[in-house]
C-alpha atoms as a PDB file:
ATOM      1  CA  UNK A   1     140.714 161.102 165.829  1.00  0.00           C
ATOM      2  CA  UNK A   2     137.566 158.512 167.071  1.00  0.00           C
ATOM      3  CA  UNK A   3     134.699 161.025 165.713  1.00  0.00           C
ATOM      4  CA  UNK A   4     136.583 160.594 162.135  1.00  0.00           C
ATOM      5  CA  UNK A   5     136.457 156.953 162.481  1.00  0.00           C
ATOM      6  CA  UNK A   6     133.180 156.835 164.008  1.00  0.00           C
ATOM      7  CA  UNK A   7     131.778 159.003 160.673  1.00  0.00           C
ATOM      8  CA  UNK A   8     133.728 156.477 158.213  1.00  0.00           C
ATOM      9  CA  UNK A   9     131.871 153.538 159.848  1.00  0.00           C
ATOM     10  CA  UNK A  10     128.465 155.371 159.680  1.00  0.00           C
ATOM     11  CA  UNK A  11     129.588 155.763 155.928  1.00  0.00           C
ATOM     12  CA  UNK A  12     130.575 151.878 155.729  1.00  0.00           C
ATOM     13  CA  UNK A  13     126.698 151.317 157.470  1.00  0.00           C
ATOM     14  CA  UNK A  14     125.374 153.856 155.153  1.00  0.00           C
ATOM     15  CA  UNK A  15     126.371 152.527 151.838  1.00  0.00           C
ATOM     16  CA  UNK A  16     125.808 148.400 153.452  1.00  0.00           C
ATOM     17  CA  UNK A  17     121.991 149.450 154.571  1.00  0.00           C
ATOM     18  CA  UNK A  18     121.368 150.565 150.339  1.00  0.00           C
ATOM     19  CA  UNK A  19     123.125 147.424 149.437  1.00  0.00           C
ATOM     20  CA  UNK A  20     121.143 145.722 152.208  1.00  0.00           C
ATOM     21  CA  UNK A  21     117.986 146.970 150.556  1.00  0.00           C
ATOM     22  CA  UNK A  22     118.604 146.784 147.175  1.00  0.00           C
ATOM     23  CA  UNK A  23     119.388 142.713 147.924  1.00  0.00           C
ATOM     24  CA  UNK A  24     116.570 142.572 149.487  1.00  0.00           C
ATOM     25  CA  UNK A  25     114.184 144.675 146.854  1.00  0.00           C
ATOM     26  CA  UNK A  26     116.115 142.113 143.894  1.00  0.00           C
ATOM     27  CA  UNK A  27     115.146 139.317 146.572  1.00  0.00           C
ATOM     28  CA  UNK A  28     111.287 140.206 146.093  1.00  0.00           C
ATOM     29  CA  UNK A  29     111.577 140.951 142.791  1.00  0.00           C
ATOM     30  CA  UNK A  30     112.656 137.229 142.136  1.00  0.00           C
ATOM     31  CA  UNK A  31     109.821 135.681 144.100  1.00  0.00           C
ATOM     32  CA  UNK A  32     107.355 137.320 142.113  1.00  0.00           C
ATOM     33  CA  UNK A  33     108.509 136.822 138.927  1.00  0.00           C
ATOM     34  CA  UNK A  34     108.744 132.650 140.503  1.00  0.00           C
ATOM     35  CA  UNK A  35     105.094 133.544 141.991  1.00  0.00           C
ATOM     36  CA  UNK A  36     103.906 134.508 138.267  1.00  0.00           C
ATOM     37  CA  UNK A  37     105.127 132.117 136.315  1.00  0.00           C
ATOM     38  CA  UNK A  38     104.204 129.424 137.686  1.00  0.00           C
ATOM     39  CA  UNK A  39     100.849 130.739 138.152  1.00  0.00           C
ATOM     40  CA  UNK A  40     101.474 131.246 134.144  1.00  0.00           C
ATOM     41  CA  UNK A  41     102.173 127.604 133.851  1.00  0.00           C
ATOM     42  CA  UNK A  42      99.397 126.445 136.342  1.00  0.00           C
ATOM     43  CA  UNK A  43      96.958 127.944 133.739  1.00  0.00           C
ATOM     44  CA  UNK A  44      98.332 126.270 131.011  1.00  0.00           C
ATOM     45  CA  UNK A  45      98.063 122.780 133.209  1.00  0.00           C
ATOM     46  CA  UNK A  46      94.713 123.585 134.057  1.00  0.00           C
ATOM     47  CA  UNK A  47      93.519 124.291 130.486  1.00  0.00           C
ATOM     48  CA  UNK A  48      95.226 120.918 129.532  1.00  0.00           C
ATOM     49  CA  UNK A  49      93.568 118.954 132.528  1.00  0.00           C
ATOM     50  CA  UNK A  50      89.788 120.988 131.317  1.00  0.00           C
ATOM     51  CA  UNK A  51      90.194 119.713 127.952  1.00  0.00           C
ATOM     52  CA  UNK A  52      91.849 116.379 128.475  1.00  0.00           C
ATOM     53  CA  UNK A  53      88.975 115.336 130.675  1.00  0.00           C
ATOM     54  CA  UNK A  54      86.405 117.006 128.194  1.00  0.00           C
ATOM     55  CA  UNK A  55      85.403 119.282 130.203  1.00  0.00           C
ATOM     56  CA  UNK A  56      82.206 121.145 129.316  1.00  0.00           C
ATOM     57  CA  UNK A  57      83.972 123.885 126.044  1.00  0.00           C
ATOM     58  CA  UNK A  58      81.102 126.877 126.856  1.00  0.00           C
ATOM     59  CA  UNK A  59      81.243 126.838 130.516  1.00  0.00           C
ATOM     60  CA  UNK A  60      82.306 129.684 132.219  1.00  0.00           C
ATOM     61  CA  UNK A  61      85.610 128.873 133.970  1.00  0.00           C
ATOM     62  CA  UNK A  62      86.214 126.542 130.976  1.00  0.00           C
ATOM     63  CA  UNK A  63      86.184 129.211 128.706  1.00  0.00           C
ATOM     64  CA  UNK A  64      88.330 132.097 130.627  1.00  0.00           C
ATOM     65  CA  UNK A  65      91.180 129.600 131.536  1.00  0.00           C
ATOM     66  CA  UNK A  66      91.042 128.542 127.794  1.00  0.00           C
ATOM     67  CA  UNK A  67      91.126 132.525 126.977  1.00  0.00           C
ATOM     68  CA  UNK A  68      93.473 132.863 129.388  1.00  0.00           C
ATOM     69  CA  UNK A  69      96.170 129.857 128.424  1.00  0.00           C
ATOM     70  CA  UNK A  70      95.626 131.472 124.405  1.00  0.00           C
ATOM     71  CA  UNK A  71      97.295 134.095 125.648  1.00  0.00           C
ATOM     72  CA  UNK A  72     100.253 132.786 127.722  1.00  0.00           C
ATOM     73  CA  UNK A  73     101.840 130.024 125.225  1.00  0.00           C
ATOM     74  CA  UNK A  74     104.531 132.010 123.788  1.00  0.00           C
ATOM     75  CA  UNK A  75     103.835 131.170 119.939  1.00  0.00           C
ATOM     76  CA  UNK A  76     104.077 128.323 120.400  1.00  0.00           C
ATOM     77  CA  UNK A  77     100.453 127.248 120.324  1.00  0.00           C
ATOM     78  CA  UNK A  78     100.320 125.404 117.136  1.00  0.00           C
ATOM     79  CA  UNK A  79     103.587 124.319 117.041  1.00  0.00           C
ATOM     80  CA  UNK A  80     102.693 120.943 116.738  1.00  0.00           C
ATOM     81  CA  UNK A  81      99.410 118.797 114.800  1.00  0.00           C
ATOM     82  CA  UNK A  82      99.197 115.498 115.551  1.00  0.00           C
ATOM     83  CA  UNK A  83      96.484 113.247 114.584  1.00  0.00           C
ATOM     84  CA  UNK A  84      95.062 113.437 118.117  1.00  0.00           C
ATOM     85  CA  UNK A  85      93.375 116.104 119.768  1.00  0.00           C
ATOM     86  CA  UNK A  86      94.118 115.176 123.400  1.00  0.00           C
ATOM     87  CA  UNK A  87      97.996 114.516 122.370  1.00  0.00           C
ATOM     88  CA  UNK A  88      97.985 117.819 119.865  1.00  0.00           C
ATOM     89  CA  UNK A  89      96.847 120.072 123.438  1.00  0.00           C
ATOM     90  CA  UNK A  90      99.351 118.270 125.492  1.00  0.00           C
ATOM     91  CA  UNK A  91     102.217 119.389 124.116  1.00  0.00           C
ATOM     92  CA  UNK A  92     100.854 122.768 122.822  1.00  0.00           C
ATOM     93  CA  UNK A  93     100.057 124.124 126.101  1.00  0.00           C
ATOM     94  CA  UNK A  94     102.153 121.582 128.135  1.00  0.00           C
ATOM     95  CA  UNK A  95     105.619 123.011 126.314  1.00  0.00           C
ATOM     96  CA  UNK A  96     104.649 126.557 127.200  1.00  0.00           C
ATOM     97  CA  UNK A  97     104.266 125.854 130.528  1.00  0.00           C
ATOM     98  CA  UNK A  98     107.543 124.498 130.888  1.00  0.00           C
ATOM     99  CA  UNK A  99     109.000 127.260 128.931  1.00  0.00           C
ATOM    100  CA  UNK A 100     107.355 129.428 131.433  1.00  0.00           C
ATOM    101  CA  UNK A 101     108.450 127.407 134.476  1.00  0.00           C
ATOM    102  CA  UNK A 102     111.820 127.656 133.705  1.00  0.00           C
ATOM    103  CA  UNK A 103     111.838 131.218 132.632  1.00  0.00           C
ATOM    104  CA  UNK A 104     111.064 131.414 136.267  1.00  0.00           C
ATOM    105  CA  UNK A 105     113.534 129.269 137.385  1.00  0.00           C
ATOM    106  CA  UNK A 106     116.285 131.031 134.838  1.00  0.00           C
ATOM    107  CA  UNK A 107     115.730 135.283 136.396  1.00  0.00           C
ATOM    108  CA  UNK A 108     114.701 134.977 139.613  1.00  0.00           C
ATOM    109  CA  UNK A 109     118.342 132.917 139.596  1.00  0.00           C
ATOM    110  CA  UNK A 110     119.967 135.583 138.263  1.00  0.00           C
ATOM    111  CA  UNK A 111     118.014 138.346 140.573  1.00  0.00           C
ATOM    112  CA  UNK A 112     118.868 136.073 143.236  1.00  0.00           C
ATOM    113  CA  UNK A 113     122.858 136.352 142.177  1.00  0.00           C
ATOM    114  CA  UNK A 114     122.646 140.043 141.947  1.00  0.00           C
ATOM    115  CA  UNK A 115     121.023 140.746 145.534  1.00  0.00           C
ATOM    116  CA  UNK A 116     124.127 139.095 146.686  1.00  0.00           C
END
């Protein structure tokens, strides 16, 4: 009889072990989502800073950041058209940066909740 209860606890241990692995995997995925979305937002913010501070647009770094930022705007890159070019960049690249951060928060929290 004690061997039956031992095998029952082993099954429970295996089941909880799989749950723990799944929980850790979702936790790692949540962290990766958070990291990626923060990096995307950072690229957009760096682009805004480079443009507002009048960095040389022909510089290799400025060109690479601008190209990456253009791909990360989520379709919001030409949403605003104010008369000031600096304000235009701040709005059209700043808003997607905020959206990326919100996406990261929401998705990582959902994954974290599933991990429990």
